[in-house]
N, C-alpha and C. Protein backbone atom coordinates (compact mmCIF):
# COMPACT_ATOMS: atom_id res chain seq x y z
N MET A 1 0.88 -1.21 0.03
CA MET A 1 0.06 -0.04 -0.05
C MET A 1 0.95 1.27 0.04
N ALA A 2 0.59 2.12 -0.88
CA ALA A 2 1.40 3.37 -0.99
C ALA A 2 0.99 4.35 0.16
N GLU A 3 1.86 5.30 0.34
CA GLU A 3 1.52 6.33 1.41
C GLU A 3 0.37 7.12 1.00
N GLN A 4 -0.53 7.35 1.79
CA GLN A 4 -1.82 8.09 1.48
C GLN A 4 -1.97 9.17 2.47
N ALA A 5 -2.06 10.54 2.02
CA ALA A 5 -2.34 11.56 2.92
C ALA A 5 -3.73 11.66 3.20
N LEU A 6 -4.09 11.85 4.46
CA LEU A 6 -5.56 11.95 4.89
C LEU A 6 -5.91 13.48 4.85
N SER A 7 -5.26 14.26 5.59
CA SER A 7 -5.53 15.63 5.52
C SER A 7 -4.21 16.25 6.17
N THR A 8 -3.37 16.51 5.29
CA THR A 8 -1.99 16.85 5.78
C THR A 8 -1.49 18.14 5.22
N LYS A 9 -0.69 18.86 6.04
CA LYS A 9 0.04 19.94 5.53
C LYS A 9 1.55 19.53 5.58
N PRO A 10 2.22 19.44 4.47
CA PRO A 10 3.62 18.95 4.52
C PRO A 10 4.50 19.81 5.27
N LEU A 11 5.46 19.21 6.00
CA LEU A 11 6.32 19.93 6.77
C LEU A 11 7.47 20.44 5.90
N ASN A 12 7.89 21.64 6.09
CA ASN A 12 9.09 22.15 5.34
C ASN A 12 10.37 21.55 5.76
N ALA A 13 11.38 21.73 4.98
CA ALA A 13 12.65 21.17 5.21
C ALA A 13 13.13 21.92 6.57
N ASN A 14 12.79 23.12 6.80
CA ASN A 14 13.23 23.80 7.91
C ASN A 14 12.52 23.34 9.26
N ASP A 15 11.40 22.69 9.17
CA ASP A 15 10.67 22.22 10.30
C ASP A 15 11.53 21.06 10.95
N SER A 16 11.53 21.08 12.34
CA SER A 16 12.24 20.01 13.07
C SER A 16 11.22 19.35 13.94
N ILE A 17 11.54 18.19 14.29
CA ILE A 17 10.82 17.39 15.26
C ILE A 17 11.62 17.38 16.61
N ASP A 18 11.01 17.85 17.72
CA ASP A 18 11.67 18.00 18.94
C ASP A 18 11.66 16.61 19.71
N LYS A 19 10.60 15.93 19.53
CA LYS A 19 10.40 14.62 20.34
C LYS A 19 9.57 13.68 19.42
N GLU A 20 9.82 12.36 19.62
CA GLU A 20 8.98 11.29 18.93
C GLU A 20 8.36 10.46 19.98
N LEU A 21 7.17 10.05 19.71
CA LEU A 21 6.38 9.22 20.61
C LEU A 21 5.85 7.93 19.80
N ASP A 22 6.20 6.76 20.22
CA ASP A 22 5.71 5.64 19.58
C ASP A 22 4.60 4.99 20.37
N VAL A 23 3.42 4.98 19.79
CA VAL A 23 2.26 4.35 20.39
C VAL A 23 1.66 3.30 19.68
N ARG A 24 2.55 2.72 18.77
CA ARG A 24 2.12 1.55 18.02
C ARG A 24 1.57 0.46 18.93
N GLY A 25 0.50 -0.22 18.55
CA GLY A 25 -0.08 -1.32 19.32
C GLY A 25 -0.98 -0.85 20.52
N LEU A 26 -1.04 0.34 20.76
CA LEU A 26 -1.96 0.86 21.78
C LEU A 26 -3.40 1.34 21.11
N VAL A 27 -4.36 1.19 21.85
CA VAL A 27 -5.64 1.63 21.39
C VAL A 27 -6.20 2.70 22.35
N CYS A 28 -7.26 3.43 21.83
CA CYS A 28 -7.92 4.52 22.56
C CYS A 28 -8.34 3.97 23.93
N PRO A 29 -8.03 4.77 24.92
CA PRO A 29 -7.55 6.23 24.93
C PRO A 29 -6.03 6.32 25.11
N LEU A 30 -5.23 5.20 25.08
CA LEU A 30 -3.84 5.29 25.48
C LEU A 30 -2.98 6.21 24.61
N PRO A 31 -3.18 6.17 23.29
CA PRO A 31 -2.33 7.14 22.41
C PRO A 31 -2.49 8.52 22.83
N ILE A 32 -3.72 9.04 23.12
CA ILE A 32 -3.99 10.41 23.46
C ILE A 32 -3.44 10.61 24.93
N LEU A 33 -3.63 9.72 25.82
CA LEU A 33 -3.03 9.97 27.20
C LEU A 33 -1.53 10.02 27.07
N ARG A 34 -0.84 9.15 26.32
CA ARG A 34 0.58 9.22 26.31
C ARG A 34 1.04 10.56 25.62
N THR A 35 0.31 10.88 24.68
CA THR A 35 0.53 12.23 23.98
C THR A 35 0.45 13.43 24.93
N LYS A 36 -0.59 13.45 25.78
CA LYS A 36 -0.77 14.47 26.77
C LYS A 36 0.39 14.49 27.67
N GLN A 37 0.92 13.28 28.17
CA GLN A 37 2.04 13.27 29.07
C GLN A 37 3.37 13.89 28.36
N SER A 38 3.43 13.41 27.14
CA SER A 38 4.67 13.98 26.37
C SER A 38 4.64 15.50 26.21
N LEU A 39 3.47 16.04 25.87
CA LEU A 39 3.30 17.44 25.56
C LEU A 39 3.56 18.18 26.91
N ALA A 40 3.14 17.64 28.00
CA ALA A 40 3.28 18.26 29.30
C ALA A 40 4.70 18.55 29.57
N ALA A 41 5.70 17.62 29.15
CA ALA A 41 6.98 17.77 29.46
C ALA A 41 7.80 18.71 28.40
N MET A 42 6.94 19.22 27.41
CA MET A 42 7.60 20.04 26.36
C MET A 42 7.28 21.50 26.58
N THR A 43 8.05 22.39 25.92
CA THR A 43 7.80 23.80 25.95
C THR A 43 7.00 24.21 24.78
N SER A 44 6.30 25.31 24.95
CA SER A 44 5.53 25.95 23.91
C SER A 44 6.26 26.12 22.58
N GLY A 45 5.66 25.70 21.52
CA GLY A 45 6.27 25.78 20.17
C GLY A 45 7.10 24.61 19.69
N GLN A 46 7.38 23.69 20.69
CA GLN A 46 8.03 22.44 20.33
C GLN A 46 7.10 21.52 19.47
N THR A 47 7.71 20.54 18.75
CA THR A 47 6.90 19.68 17.89
C THR A 47 7.00 18.20 18.28
N LEU A 48 6.01 17.49 18.28
CA LEU A 48 5.93 16.16 18.69
C LEU A 48 5.44 15.21 17.55
N ARG A 49 6.22 14.24 17.10
CA ARG A 49 5.77 13.29 16.14
C ARG A 49 5.32 12.00 16.82
N ILE A 50 4.05 11.66 16.47
CA ILE A 50 3.43 10.46 17.07
C ILE A 50 3.14 9.41 16.08
N ILE A 51 3.61 8.17 16.28
CA ILE A 51 3.41 7.01 15.36
C ILE A 51 2.36 6.14 16.04
N ALA A 52 1.25 5.96 15.37
CA ALA A 52 0.20 5.07 15.97
C ALA A 52 -0.28 4.07 14.94
N THR A 53 -0.99 3.01 15.48
CA THR A 53 -1.53 1.98 14.61
C THR A 53 -3.07 1.89 14.75
N ASP A 54 -3.65 2.54 15.80
CA ASP A 54 -5.07 2.49 16.07
C ASP A 54 -5.76 3.27 14.95
N PRO A 55 -6.69 2.68 14.20
CA PRO A 55 -7.28 3.31 13.11
C PRO A 55 -8.16 4.49 13.62
N ALA A 56 -8.61 4.49 14.85
CA ALA A 56 -9.47 5.60 15.44
C ALA A 56 -8.63 6.76 15.72
N SER A 57 -7.29 6.58 15.71
CA SER A 57 -6.43 7.74 16.13
C SER A 57 -6.41 8.90 15.09
N ALA A 58 -6.86 8.65 13.86
CA ALA A 58 -6.88 9.71 12.89
C ALA A 58 -7.96 10.72 13.40
N ILE A 59 -9.16 10.28 13.70
CA ILE A 59 -10.16 11.25 14.36
C ILE A 59 -9.76 11.83 15.70
N ASP A 60 -9.27 10.87 16.52
CA ASP A 60 -8.89 11.13 17.86
C ASP A 60 -7.94 12.33 17.98
N PHE A 61 -6.91 12.36 17.11
CA PHE A 61 -5.87 13.36 17.23
C PHE A 61 -6.32 14.73 16.57
N GLN A 62 -7.28 14.60 15.61
CA GLN A 62 -7.96 15.85 15.11
C GLN A 62 -8.74 16.57 16.29
N VAL A 63 -9.54 15.75 16.87
CA VAL A 63 -10.42 16.25 17.96
C VAL A 63 -9.64 16.79 19.11
N PHE A 64 -8.48 16.09 19.55
CA PHE A 64 -7.63 16.38 20.44
C PHE A 64 -6.96 17.77 20.22
N SER A 65 -6.55 17.96 18.98
CA SER A 65 -5.97 19.24 18.53
C SER A 65 -6.95 20.39 18.80
N GLU A 66 -8.09 20.20 18.23
CA GLU A 66 -9.18 21.21 18.41
C GLU A 66 -9.51 21.49 19.87
N GLN A 67 -9.56 20.54 20.66
CA GLN A 67 -9.97 20.72 22.08
C GLN A 67 -8.92 21.31 22.89
N THR A 68 -7.65 21.13 22.59
CA THR A 68 -6.52 21.53 23.49
C THR A 68 -5.82 22.64 22.95
N GLY A 69 -5.93 23.00 21.68
CA GLY A 69 -5.27 24.15 21.05
C GLY A 69 -3.88 23.89 20.66
N ASN A 70 -3.48 22.57 20.67
CA ASN A 70 -2.16 22.16 20.15
C ASN A 70 -2.43 21.94 18.68
N LYS A 71 -1.52 22.57 17.82
CA LYS A 71 -1.70 22.58 16.39
C LYS A 71 -1.37 21.30 15.73
N LEU A 72 -2.21 20.59 14.93
CA LEU A 72 -1.87 19.48 14.21
C LEU A 72 -1.30 19.90 12.88
N LEU A 73 0.03 19.80 12.85
CA LEU A 73 0.76 20.23 11.67
C LEU A 73 0.70 19.28 10.54
N SER A 74 0.60 17.97 10.80
CA SER A 74 0.61 16.94 9.84
C SER A 74 -0.13 15.74 10.22
N LEU A 75 -0.75 15.01 9.30
CA LEU A 75 -1.39 13.77 9.65
C LEU A 75 -1.25 12.98 8.33
N SER A 76 -0.56 11.85 8.44
CA SER A 76 -0.44 11.04 7.19
C SER A 76 -0.61 9.47 7.53
N GLN A 77 -0.73 8.72 6.58
CA GLN A 77 -0.93 7.28 6.81
C GLN A 77 0.04 6.51 5.85
N THR A 78 0.70 5.58 6.43
CA THR A 78 1.40 4.70 5.63
C THR A 78 0.91 3.25 5.95
N THR A 79 1.48 2.21 5.42
CA THR A 79 0.92 0.85 5.53
C THR A 79 0.75 0.58 7.10
N GLY A 80 -0.50 0.61 7.57
CA GLY A 80 -0.89 0.23 8.90
C GLY A 80 -0.41 1.22 9.94
N GLU A 81 0.16 2.28 9.69
CA GLU A 81 0.51 3.33 10.64
C GLU A 81 0.08 4.64 10.24
N PHE A 82 -0.17 5.48 11.33
CA PHE A 82 -0.64 6.85 11.21
C PHE A 82 0.56 7.62 11.83
N ILE A 83 0.84 8.76 11.22
CA ILE A 83 1.89 9.64 11.68
C ILE A 83 1.35 10.97 11.80
N PHE A 84 1.44 11.54 13.09
CA PHE A 84 0.93 12.85 13.37
C PHE A 84 2.09 13.63 13.90
N VAL A 85 1.98 15.06 13.57
CA VAL A 85 2.94 15.93 14.11
C VAL A 85 2.15 17.13 14.73
N LEU A 86 2.38 17.19 16.09
CA LEU A 86 1.65 18.36 16.75
C LEU A 86 2.64 19.32 17.29
N LYS A 87 2.20 20.57 17.26
CA LYS A 87 3.03 21.68 17.79
C LYS A 87 2.28 22.12 19.06
N LYS A 88 3.09 22.09 20.20
CA LYS A 88 2.54 22.46 21.50
C LYS A 88 2.21 23.95 21.45
N LYS A 89 0.95 24.19 22.01
CA LYS A 89 0.53 25.66 22.08
C LYS A 89 1.39 26.42 23.19
């Protein structure tokens, strides 16, 4: 299966990832809870890349972004994995 963008804004070459979180194999609500914990340890403006396998995470992270004010910079899907990039508010 080829990479398929769901609703993504590509990152620029200048954009950097400050932290990465692997939540593969976890299902709702654990990916969001682990993301909250990671963001709490970060400073405003830093970026977090999350790799998940839960199909519900595509919607979960969009809603999480809207509810918390953390900006969803990127959302993409590769074979069996969803990759999100959030910017801490």
